[in-house]
C-alpha cells in the first residue's frame, strides 16, 4: 500500500507544509524514519516523528489534514505508534 509521510527529525528544522515523501509501503516509511533518525542522533537529542498519510495529501497545505498514523522513535531505538 502506497503511503506518504512527513518527517520531523530531532534537532533539525521542521519540514515545509507541503513537503512529504512517497513510500511504496508502510514498512519502507518506518525504515526510512529509523535510518534518518540514526543519521542525526549523534548531534541531536530527543525523538523524531513521522506523520503517515495513506492517501496523497492534497490542498494548499497538505499536512493540515489529519494523519492516518503517527510514529515516534522510542528510547531504545524502536518505533512507537502514537494515537492520532
Protein backbone atom coordinates (compact mmCIF):
# COMPACT_ATOMS: atom_id res chain seq x y z
CA UNK A 1 0.00 0.00 0.00
CA UNK A 2 1.49 3.33 -1.08
CA UNK A 3 1.75 5.97 1.64
CA UNK A 4 3.04 9.49 2.10
CA UNK A 5 4.96 10.75 5.13
CA UNK A 6 6.20 13.95 6.66
CA UNK A 7 9.26 13.61 8.90
CA UNK A 8 10.22 15.79 11.86
CA UNK A 9 13.82 14.92 12.79
CA UNK A 10 15.16 15.66 16.27
CA UNK A 11 17.39 18.72 16.24
CA UNK A 12 16.54 19.65 12.65
CA UNK A 13 14.26 22.26 11.10
CA UNK A 14 10.64 21.29 10.56
CA UNK A 15 9.61 20.40 7.01
CA UNK A 16 7.69 22.88 4.88
CA UNK A 17 3.89 22.41 4.97
CA UNK A 18 3.79 20.79 1.53
CA UNK A 19 6.96 18.70 1.95
CA UNK A 20 6.39 14.94 2.21
CA UNK A 21 7.91 11.74 0.88
CA UNK A 22 6.24 8.94 -1.06
CA UNK A 23 6.80 5.31 0.01
CA UNK A 24 5.72 2.03 -1.57
CA UNK A 25 4.77 0.55 1.82
CA UNK A 26 4.36 1.44 5.48
CA UNK A 27 7.37 -0.75 6.29
CA UNK A 28 9.54 1.33 3.92
CA UNK A 29 8.37 4.51 5.64
CA UNK A 30 9.23 3.12 9.09
CA UNK A 31 12.69 2.02 7.94
CA UNK A 32 13.30 5.46 6.48
CA UNK A 33 12.40 7.16 9.78
CA UNK A 34 14.78 4.92 11.73
CA UNK A 35 17.58 5.45 9.20
CA UNK A 36 17.13 9.24 9.18
CA UNK A 37 16.97 9.37 12.97
CA UNK A 38 20.20 7.33 13.20
CA UNK A 39 21.87 9.89 10.91
CA UNK A 40 21.06 12.81 13.25
CA UNK A 41 21.20 11.04 16.62
CA UNK A 42 24.92 11.78 17.06
CA UNK A 43 24.25 15.53 17.35
CA UNK A 44 20.56 15.74 18.32
CA UNK A 45 18.72 14.60 21.40
CA UNK A 46 15.10 13.61 21.58
CA UNK A 47 12.71 11.64 19.43
CA UNK A 48 11.99 12.06 15.73
CA UNK A 49 8.44 11.81 14.44
CA UNK A 50 6.69 10.80 11.23
CA UNK A 51 3.15 11.62 10.12
CA UNK A 52 1.83 8.99 7.70
CA UNK A 53 -0.99 9.51 5.20
CA UNK A 54 -2.48 6.58 3.25
CA UNK A 55 -3.89 8.84 0.54
CA UNK A 56 -1.96 11.56 -1.28
CA UNK A 57 -2.19 14.76 0.79
CA UNK A 58 -3.90 17.48 -1.24
CA UNK A 59 -4.72 21.15 -0.97
CA UNK A 60 -2.63 24.23 -0.40
CA UNK A 61 -1.22 22.87 2.86
CA UNK A 62 -1.48 19.05 2.62
CA UNK A 63 -0.06 18.48 6.07
CA UNK A 64 -3.04 20.30 7.63
CA UNK A 65 -5.17 17.16 7.17
CA UNK A 66 -5.08 14.61 9.96
CA UNK A 67 -2.56 11.79 9.50
CA UNK A 68 -3.60 8.14 9.46
CA UNK A 69 -0.65 7.12 11.67
CA UNK A 70 1.94 8.90 13.80
CA UNK A 71 5.22 7.16 14.63
CA UNK A 72 7.90 8.36 17.01
CA UNK A 73 11.33 6.95 17.72
CA UNK A 74 11.45 5.27 21.11
CA UNK A 75 14.09 5.48 23.84
CA UNK A 76 15.63 2.11 22.92
CA UNK A 77 15.86 2.53 19.15
CA UNK A 78 12.45 1.24 18.08
CA UNK A 79 9.27 2.94 16.93
CA UNK A 80 6.20 3.82 18.96
CA UNK A 81 2.83 4.34 17.29
CA UNK A 82 1.05 7.32 18.81
CA UNK A 83 -2.70 7.78 18.75
CA UNK A 84 -3.96 10.34 16.23
